[in-house]
Amino acid sequence: MNNSVIAAVILNDTTLAVWFDNGVSKNYSPQDLDEKATSLPSNIVVAGDGAGIAWEKGGSMSADDLFAKGTESDYVEQEKRNLLKNLSAIRRDASFSQTRLGEAAGIRQSVISRIEGCEISPQINTLLKLLAPLGKTLAIVDLGEGKN
C-alpha cells in the first residue's frame, strides 16, 4: 500500500487520530494498537519518514498496518458540527433569539438559522461577528483539550 503517516494526535484516553498522506484520517481505540490495552500510550510519535508510529515500551505500528485498522473519520466535519452546535447553545444560554443576535451582529436571521443547522459553513469573520455580542471569541486549542 505504501501509506505514510503525516500526523498522530491523542484526542483523549480512548481515541488516537491519525492523518495519512492520501488525505484520509482515522480514529483508533487502544485495542486497535494493542489487543490487551485499556488506554492509549501517553507518548505516540510519528516516524521521521512517516513509515509508522511508535510509543513507549517499544511499541510500534507501520503506516500500512495502521491504515488497515481504525475507523475512517471526517474530523473537520465533526468539529464544524460541534462548533456550530456550541454557537447555538451559547446563543440560547445568553437568552438571545436568532433575530436579536442577527441585529447585533449585522447578519440576517435566516443565515444564522442555516449556520446553526449546519447547512452552510460560515467564514471566520462571520463567526466572530456572531460570537462578539455573546461575549465570546474563537481560540486555537489542543485537539484533545476539554474532551476527556
N, C-alpha and C. Protein backbone atom coordinates (compact mmCIF):
# COMPACT_ATOMS: atom_id res chain seq x y z
N MET A 1 0.82 -1.20 0.00
CA MET A 1 0.00 0.00 0.00
C MET A 1 0.86 1.26 0.00
N ASN A 2 1.94 1.23 0.78
CA ASN A 2 2.86 2.36 0.87
C ASN A 2 2.20 3.64 1.38
N ASN A 3 1.44 3.51 2.45
CA ASN A 3 0.86 4.68 3.10
C ASN A 3 1.93 5.38 3.92
N SER A 4 1.70 6.64 4.19
CA SER A 4 2.62 7.41 5.01
C SER A 4 1.81 8.19 6.04
N VAL A 5 2.27 8.18 7.29
CA VAL A 5 1.61 8.90 8.36
C VAL A 5 2.13 10.34 8.37
N ILE A 6 1.22 11.28 8.34
CA ILE A 6 1.58 12.70 8.39
C ILE A 6 1.56 13.20 9.83
N ALA A 7 0.52 12.82 10.60
CA ALA A 7 0.38 13.30 11.97
C ALA A 7 -0.42 12.29 12.78
N ALA A 8 -0.14 12.25 14.08
CA ALA A 8 -0.87 11.42 15.02
C ALA A 8 -1.09 12.24 16.28
N VAL A 9 -2.35 12.35 16.72
CA VAL A 9 -2.69 13.17 17.88
C VAL A 9 -3.59 12.37 18.81
N ILE A 10 -3.23 12.33 20.08
CA ILE A 10 -4.08 11.68 21.09
C ILE A 10 -5.18 12.67 21.44
N LEU A 11 -6.43 12.29 21.16
CA LEU A 11 -7.56 13.17 21.44
C LEU A 11 -8.02 13.04 22.89
N ASN A 12 -7.99 11.82 23.41
CA ASN A 12 -8.33 11.56 24.80
C ASN A 12 -7.82 10.17 25.14
N ASP A 13 -8.16 9.64 26.32
CA ASP A 13 -7.63 8.34 26.74
C ASP A 13 -8.04 7.19 25.82
N THR A 14 -9.09 7.40 25.03
CA THR A 14 -9.60 6.29 24.22
C THR A 14 -9.57 6.52 22.72
N THR A 15 -9.05 7.67 22.27
CA THR A 15 -9.07 7.95 20.84
C THR A 15 -7.75 8.57 20.37
N LEU A 16 -7.17 7.93 19.38
CA LEU A 16 -6.00 8.45 18.68
C LEU A 16 -6.44 8.79 17.27
N ALA A 17 -6.12 9.99 16.81
CA ALA A 17 -6.44 10.39 15.43
C ALA A 17 -5.13 10.37 14.63
N VAL A 18 -5.20 9.77 13.44
CA VAL A 18 -4.02 9.70 12.56
C VAL A 18 -4.42 10.20 11.19
N TRP A 19 -3.57 11.07 10.62
CA TRP A 19 -3.77 11.60 9.27
C TRP A 19 -2.71 11.00 8.36
N PHE A 20 -3.16 10.55 7.18
CA PHE A 20 -2.28 9.91 6.20
C PHE A 20 -2.03 10.84 5.02
N ASP A 21 -1.01 10.51 4.24
CA ASP A 21 -0.61 11.37 3.12
C ASP A 21 -1.63 11.38 1.98
N ASN A 22 -2.59 10.47 1.99
CA ASN A 22 -3.61 10.45 0.95
C ASN A 22 -4.86 11.25 1.35
N GLY A 23 -4.78 11.99 2.47
CA GLY A 23 -5.90 12.82 2.92
C GLY A 23 -6.88 12.11 3.82
N VAL A 24 -6.70 10.83 4.06
CA VAL A 24 -7.60 10.07 4.93
C VAL A 24 -7.17 10.27 6.38
N SER A 25 -8.16 10.42 7.25
CA SER A 25 -7.89 10.42 8.69
C SER A 25 -8.69 9.28 9.31
N LYS A 26 -8.08 8.66 10.32
CA LYS A 26 -8.73 7.55 11.00
C LYS A 26 -8.58 7.71 12.50
N ASN A 27 -9.56 7.17 13.23
CA ASN A 27 -9.52 7.14 14.69
C ASN A 27 -9.21 5.73 15.14
N TYR A 28 -8.48 5.64 16.26
CA TYR A 28 -8.06 4.34 16.80
C TYR A 28 -8.36 4.27 18.28
N SER A 29 -8.83 3.10 18.70
CA SER A 29 -9.02 2.82 20.12
C SER A 29 -7.73 2.19 20.63
N PRO A 30 -7.56 2.10 21.94
CA PRO A 30 -6.36 1.44 22.47
C PRO A 30 -6.21 0.01 21.94
N GLN A 31 -7.34 -0.70 21.79
CA GLN A 31 -7.29 -2.08 21.32
C GLN A 31 -6.86 -2.19 19.87
N ASP A 32 -7.03 -1.13 19.08
CA ASP A 32 -6.55 -1.15 17.70
C ASP A 32 -5.02 -1.21 17.66
N LEU A 33 -4.38 -0.65 18.70
CA LEU A 33 -2.92 -0.65 18.76
C LEU A 33 -2.38 -1.88 19.48
N ASP A 34 -3.12 -2.33 20.51
CA ASP A 34 -2.71 -3.48 21.32
C ASP A 34 -3.97 -4.11 21.88
N GLU A 35 -4.24 -5.35 21.51
CA GLU A 35 -5.49 -6.02 21.91
C GLU A 35 -5.73 -6.00 23.41
N LYS A 36 -4.66 -5.97 24.22
CA LYS A 36 -4.79 -6.03 25.67
C LYS A 36 -4.86 -4.64 26.32
N ALA A 37 -4.68 -3.59 25.56
CA ALA A 37 -4.62 -2.24 26.11
C ALA A 37 -5.98 -1.75 26.58
N THR A 38 -5.98 -0.98 27.65
CA THR A 38 -7.20 -0.35 28.14
C THR A 38 -7.17 1.16 27.97
N SER A 39 -5.98 1.70 27.70
CA SER A 39 -5.86 3.13 27.40
C SER A 39 -4.72 3.32 26.41
N LEU A 40 -4.69 4.46 25.80
CA LEU A 40 -3.65 4.74 24.82
C LEU A 40 -2.33 5.04 25.52
N PRO A 41 -1.22 4.73 24.86
CA PRO A 41 0.08 5.14 25.40
C PRO A 41 0.13 6.67 25.48
N SER A 42 0.91 7.21 26.40
CA SER A 42 0.94 8.66 26.57
C SER A 42 1.83 9.36 25.55
N ASN A 43 2.81 8.69 25.02
CA ASN A 43 3.72 9.31 24.06
C ASN A 43 3.70 8.55 22.75
N ILE A 44 3.00 9.08 21.77
CA ILE A 44 2.98 8.48 20.44
C ILE A 44 3.70 9.45 19.51
N VAL A 45 4.68 8.93 18.79
CA VAL A 45 5.44 9.77 17.86
C VAL A 45 5.38 9.17 16.46
N VAL A 46 5.39 10.05 15.47
CA VAL A 46 5.40 9.63 14.08
C VAL A 46 6.84 9.46 13.66
N ALA A 47 7.14 8.36 12.98
CA ALA A 47 8.49 8.15 12.45
C ALA A 47 8.83 9.29 11.50
N GLY A 48 10.08 9.71 11.50
CA GLY A 48 10.50 10.84 10.68
C GLY A 48 10.15 10.72 9.21
N ASP A 49 10.13 9.50 8.70
CA ASP A 49 9.79 9.30 7.29
C ASP A 49 8.32 8.97 7.08
N GLY A 50 7.53 8.99 8.17
CA GLY A 50 6.11 8.70 8.07
C GLY A 50 5.78 7.23 7.91
N ALA A 51 6.77 6.37 8.14
CA ALA A 51 6.57 4.93 7.95
C ALA A 51 5.69 4.29 9.00
N GLY A 52 5.38 5.01 10.07
CA GLY A 52 4.53 4.46 11.12
C GLY A 52 4.58 5.31 12.36
N ILE A 53 4.13 4.73 13.48
CA ILE A 53 4.16 5.40 14.76
C ILE A 53 4.86 4.50 15.77
N ALA A 54 5.34 5.10 16.84
CA ALA A 54 5.97 4.35 17.92
C ALA A 54 5.54 4.97 19.25
N TRP A 55 5.64 4.18 20.32
CA TRP A 55 5.29 4.67 21.65
C TRP A 55 6.18 4.00 22.67
N GLU A 56 6.09 4.49 23.92
CA GLU A 56 6.97 3.98 24.98
C GLU A 56 6.85 2.47 25.13
N LYS A 57 7.84 1.90 25.75
CA LYS A 57 7.94 0.46 25.99
C LYS A 57 8.08 -0.33 24.69
N GLY A 58 8.60 0.33 23.64
CA GLY A 58 8.93 -0.38 22.41
C GLY A 58 7.78 -0.68 21.47
N GLY A 59 6.62 -0.14 21.72
CA GLY A 59 5.50 -0.39 20.83
C GLY A 59 5.62 0.39 19.54
N SER A 60 5.15 -0.21 18.45
CA SER A 60 5.16 0.50 17.17
C SER A 60 4.17 -0.16 16.22
N MET A 61 3.82 0.57 15.16
CA MET A 61 2.95 0.03 14.13
C MET A 61 3.28 0.74 12.83
N SER A 62 3.35 -0.03 11.76
CA SER A 62 3.66 0.56 10.46
C SER A 62 2.47 1.35 9.93
N ALA A 63 2.73 2.25 9.01
CA ALA A 63 1.66 3.05 8.41
C ALA A 63 0.66 2.16 7.69
N ASP A 64 1.13 1.14 7.00
CA ASP A 64 0.21 0.25 6.28
C ASP A 64 -0.67 -0.53 7.25
N ASP A 65 -0.08 -1.01 8.37
CA ASP A 65 -0.88 -1.71 9.37
C ASP A 65 -1.91 -0.77 10.01
N LEU A 66 -1.49 0.46 10.29
CA LEU A 66 -2.42 1.45 10.83
C LEU A 66 -3.57 1.70 9.86
N PHE A 67 -3.22 1.87 8.59
CA PHE A 67 -4.25 2.18 7.60
C PHE A 67 -5.27 1.06 7.49
N ALA A 68 -4.84 -0.18 7.70
CA ALA A 68 -5.74 -1.33 7.62
C ALA A 68 -6.69 -1.40 8.82
N LYS A 69 -6.34 -0.71 9.90
CA LYS A 69 -7.17 -0.73 11.11
C LYS A 69 -7.86 0.61 11.28
N GLY A 70 -8.51 0.79 12.41
CA GLY A 70 -9.12 2.06 12.74
C GLY A 70 -10.42 2.32 12.00
N THR A 71 -11.00 3.43 12.32
CA THR A 71 -12.27 3.84 11.74
C THR A 71 -12.07 5.16 11.02
N GLU A 72 -12.42 5.19 9.73
CA GLU A 72 -12.26 6.42 8.97
C GLU A 72 -13.11 7.52 9.60
N SER A 73 -12.56 8.71 9.64
CA SER A 73 -13.22 9.81 10.32
C SER A 73 -13.05 11.08 9.53
N ASP A 74 -14.12 11.87 9.45
CA ASP A 74 -14.03 13.20 8.87
C ASP A 74 -13.96 14.17 10.03
N TYR A 75 -12.78 14.32 10.57
CA TYR A 75 -12.58 15.12 11.77
C TYR A 75 -13.05 16.56 11.58
N VAL A 76 -12.78 17.13 10.43
CA VAL A 76 -13.15 18.52 10.17
C VAL A 76 -14.67 18.68 10.24
N GLU A 77 -15.40 17.78 9.61
CA GLU A 77 -16.86 17.88 9.63
C GLU A 77 -17.40 17.71 11.05
N GLN A 78 -16.82 16.78 11.82
CA GLN A 78 -17.26 16.59 13.21
C GLN A 78 -17.02 17.85 14.03
N GLU A 79 -15.85 18.44 13.89
CA GLU A 79 -15.53 19.64 14.66
C GLU A 79 -16.39 20.82 14.24
N LYS A 80 -16.68 20.93 12.94
CA LYS A 80 -17.54 22.01 12.47
C LYS A 80 -18.93 21.87 13.10
N ARG A 81 -19.48 20.67 13.09
CA ARG A 81 -20.80 20.46 13.70
C ARG A 81 -20.78 20.78 15.19
N ASN A 82 -19.73 20.35 15.89
CA ASN A 82 -19.62 20.65 17.33
C ASN A 82 -19.55 22.15 17.57
N LEU A 83 -18.77 22.85 16.76
CA LEU A 83 -18.64 24.30 16.90
C LEU A 83 -19.97 25.00 16.69
N LEU A 84 -20.68 24.61 15.64
CA LEU A 84 -21.95 25.27 15.34
C LEU A 84 -23.03 24.92 16.36
N LYS A 85 -23.01 23.71 16.89
CA LYS A 85 -23.94 23.35 17.98
C LYS A 85 -23.64 24.18 19.22
N ASN A 86 -22.33 24.39 19.49
CA ASN A 86 -21.95 25.22 20.64
C ASN A 86 -22.39 26.65 20.45
N LEU A 87 -22.28 27.17 19.25
CA LEU A 87 -22.75 28.53 18.96
C LEU A 87 -24.23 28.65 19.30
N SER A 88 -25.02 27.70 18.86
CA SER A 88 -26.45 27.70 19.13
C SER A 88 -26.73 27.64 20.63
N ALA A 89 -26.02 26.77 21.34
CA ALA A 89 -26.22 26.64 22.78
C ALA A 89 -25.82 27.92 23.52
N ILE A 90 -24.72 28.53 23.11
CA ILE A 90 -24.27 29.78 23.73
C ILE A 90 -25.31 30.88 23.51
N ARG A 91 -25.84 30.95 22.30
CA ARG A 91 -26.87 31.95 21.98
C ARG A 91 -28.09 31.77 22.88
N ARG A 92 -28.55 30.53 23.00
CA ARG A 92 -29.73 30.26 23.83
C ARG A 92 -29.45 30.55 25.31
N ASP A 93 -28.25 30.14 25.79
CA ASP A 93 -27.88 30.39 27.19
C ASP A 93 -27.84 31.88 27.51
N ALA A 94 -27.50 32.70 26.51
CA ALA A 94 -27.45 34.15 26.70
C ALA A 94 -28.82 34.80 26.48
N SER A 95 -29.85 33.98 26.28
CA SER A 95 -31.22 34.45 26.04
C SER A 95 -31.33 35.35 24.82
N PHE A 96 -30.57 35.03 23.78
CA PHE A 96 -30.65 35.73 22.51
C PHE A 96 -31.48 34.89 21.55
N SER A 97 -32.41 35.51 20.86
CA SER A 97 -33.07 34.84 19.74
C SER A 97 -32.14 34.98 18.54
N GLN A 98 -32.40 34.21 17.50
CA GLN A 98 -31.61 34.37 16.28
C GLN A 98 -31.78 35.78 15.72
N THR A 99 -32.97 36.30 15.82
CA THR A 99 -33.25 37.65 15.31
C THR A 99 -32.45 38.70 16.08
N ARG A 100 -32.47 38.60 17.39
CA ARG A 100 -31.73 39.57 18.22
C ARG A 100 -30.23 39.48 17.95
N LEU A 101 -29.70 38.26 17.86
CA LEU A 101 -28.27 38.10 17.56
C LEU A 101 -27.96 38.66 16.18
N GLY A 102 -28.84 38.40 15.23
CA GLY A 102 -28.64 38.91 13.88
C GLY A 102 -28.58 40.42 13.85
N GLU A 103 -29.47 41.07 14.61
CA GLU A 103 -29.46 42.53 14.68
C GLU A 103 -28.15 43.04 15.28
N ALA A 104 -27.68 42.38 16.32
CA ALA A 104 -26.44 42.81 16.98
C ALA A 104 -25.21 42.57 16.10
N ALA A 105 -25.24 41.49 15.32
CA ALA A 105 -24.08 41.10 14.51
C ALA A 105 -24.14 41.62 13.08
N GLY A 106 -25.31 42.14 12.68
CA GLY A 106 -25.46 42.59 11.30
C GLY A 106 -25.57 41.45 10.31
N ILE A 107 -26.18 40.34 10.75
CA ILE A 107 -26.34 39.15 9.92
C ILE A 107 -27.81 38.75 9.95
N ARG A 108 -28.37 38.41 8.80
CA ARG A 108 -29.79 38.05 8.72
C ARG A 108 -30.09 36.80 9.57
N GLN A 109 -31.27 36.79 10.16
CA GLN A 109 -31.71 35.65 10.97
C GLN A 109 -31.70 34.37 10.16
N SER A 110 -32.10 34.43 8.91
CA SER A 110 -32.15 33.22 8.08
C SER A 110 -30.76 32.62 7.88
N VAL A 111 -29.75 33.47 7.82
CA VAL A 111 -28.37 32.98 7.70
C VAL A 111 -27.94 32.31 8.99
N ILE A 112 -28.28 32.92 10.12
CA ILE A 112 -27.96 32.31 11.42
C ILE A 112 -28.62 30.94 11.54
N SER A 113 -29.86 30.84 11.12
CA SER A 113 -30.57 29.56 11.16
C SER A 113 -29.84 28.50 10.33
N ARG A 114 -29.41 28.88 9.15
CA ARG A 114 -28.70 27.93 8.28
C ARG A 114 -27.34 27.56 8.86
N ILE A 115 -26.66 28.50 9.51
CA ILE A 115 -25.38 28.20 10.16
C ILE A 115 -25.60 27.22 11.30
N GLU A 116 -26.54 27.53 12.19
CA GLU A 116 -26.80 26.66 13.34
C GLU A 116 -27.31 25.29 12.92
N GLY A 117 -27.96 25.20 11.78
CA GLY A 117 -28.44 23.93 11.26
C GLY A 117 -27.38 23.18 10.46
N CYS A 118 -26.17 23.70 10.42
CA CYS A 118 -25.04 23.09 9.71
C CYS A 118 -25.31 22.96 8.21
N GLU A 119 -26.17 23.83 7.70
CA GLU A 119 -26.47 23.81 6.27
C GLU A 119 -25.41 24.56 5.46
N ILE A 120 -24.78 25.54 6.10
CA ILE A 120 -23.71 26.29 5.44
C ILE A 120 -22.53 26.41 6.40
N SER A 121 -21.36 26.61 5.84
CA SER A 121 -20.15 26.79 6.63
C SER A 121 -19.81 28.28 6.65
N PRO A 122 -19.91 28.89 7.81
CA PRO A 122 -19.63 30.32 7.87
C PRO A 122 -18.14 30.63 7.74
N GLN A 123 -17.84 31.81 7.22
CA GLN A 123 -16.47 32.28 7.22
C GLN A 123 -16.08 32.68 8.63
N ILE A 124 -14.79 32.76 8.87
CA ILE A 124 -14.31 33.11 10.21
C ILE A 124 -14.84 34.47 10.66
N ASN A 125 -14.83 35.46 9.76
CA ASN A 125 -15.31 36.78 10.17
C ASN A 125 -16.80 36.74 10.55
N THR A 126 -17.58 35.88 9.92
CA THR A 126 -19.00 35.74 10.28
C THR A 126 -19.13 35.14 11.68
N LEU A 127 -18.34 34.10 11.97
CA LEU A 127 -18.37 33.51 13.32
C LEU A 127 -17.98 34.55 14.37
N LEU A 128 -16.94 35.31 14.08
CA LEU A 128 -16.51 36.33 15.04
C LEU A 128 -17.60 37.38 15.27
N LYS A 129 -18.29 37.77 14.20
CA LYS A 129 -19.40 38.73 14.34
C LYS A 129 -20.52 38.17 15.20
N LEU A 130 -20.79 36.87 15.06
CA LEU A 130 -21.85 36.24 15.85
C LEU A 130 -21.44 36.04 17.30
N LEU A 131 -20.20 35.73 17.54
CA LEU A 131 -19.73 35.44 18.89
C LEU A 131 -19.54 36.70 19.74
N ALA A 132 -19.11 37.80 19.13
CA ALA A 132 -18.79 39.01 19.89
C ALA A 132 -19.96 39.51 20.75
N PRO A 133 -21.19 39.63 20.21
CA PRO A 133 -22.30 40.10 21.07
C PRO A 133 -22.62 39.13 22.21
N LEU A 134 -22.16 37.90 22.07
CA LEU A 134 -22.39 36.89 23.12
C LEU A 134 -21.24 36.87 24.13
N GLY A 135 -20.25 37.76 23.91
CA GLY A 135 -19.09 37.82 24.81
C GLY A 135 -18.10 36.70 24.59
N LYS A 136 -18.06 36.15 23.39
CA LYS A 136 -17.18 35.01 23.09
C LYS A 136 -16.30 35.32 21.88
N THR A 137 -15.28 34.51 21.68
CA THR A 137 -14.43 34.58 20.50
C THR A 137 -13.93 33.18 20.18
N LEU A 138 -13.21 33.06 19.09
CA LEU A 138 -12.61 31.78 18.73
C LEU A 138 -11.22 31.69 19.33
N ALA A 139 -10.75 30.48 19.55
CA ALA A 139 -9.39 30.26 20.07
C ALA A 139 -8.84 28.99 19.45
N ILE A 140 -7.54 28.93 19.34
CA ILE A 140 -6.88 27.71 18.87
C ILE A 140 -6.43 26.95 20.11
N VAL A 141 -6.90 25.70 20.23
CA VAL A 141 -6.60 24.88 21.40
C VAL A 141 -6.10 23.51 20.94
N ASP A 142 -5.45 22.79 21.83
CA ASP A 142 -5.04 21.43 21.53
C ASP A 142 -6.26 20.59 21.20
N LEU A 143 -6.11 19.65 20.27
CA LEU A 143 -7.25 18.85 19.83
C LEU A 143 -7.94 18.12 20.97
N GLY A 144 -7.21 17.58 21.90
CA GLY A 144 -7.82 16.81 22.98
C GLY A 144 -8.33 17.64 24.14
N GLU A 145 -8.10 18.96 24.13
CA GLU A 145 -8.48 19.80 25.24
C GLU A 145 -9.99 19.79 25.46
N GLY A 146 -10.39 19.51 26.70
CA GLY A 146 -11.80 19.56 27.06
C GLY A 146 -12.62 18.39 26.57
N LYS A 147 -11.98 17.33 26.06
CA LYS A 147 -12.76 16.21 25.52
C LYS A 147 -12.61 14.94 26.32
N ASN A 148 -11.98 14.99 27.46
CA ASN A 148 -11.79 13.77 28.27
C ASN A 148 -13.03 13.42 29.02
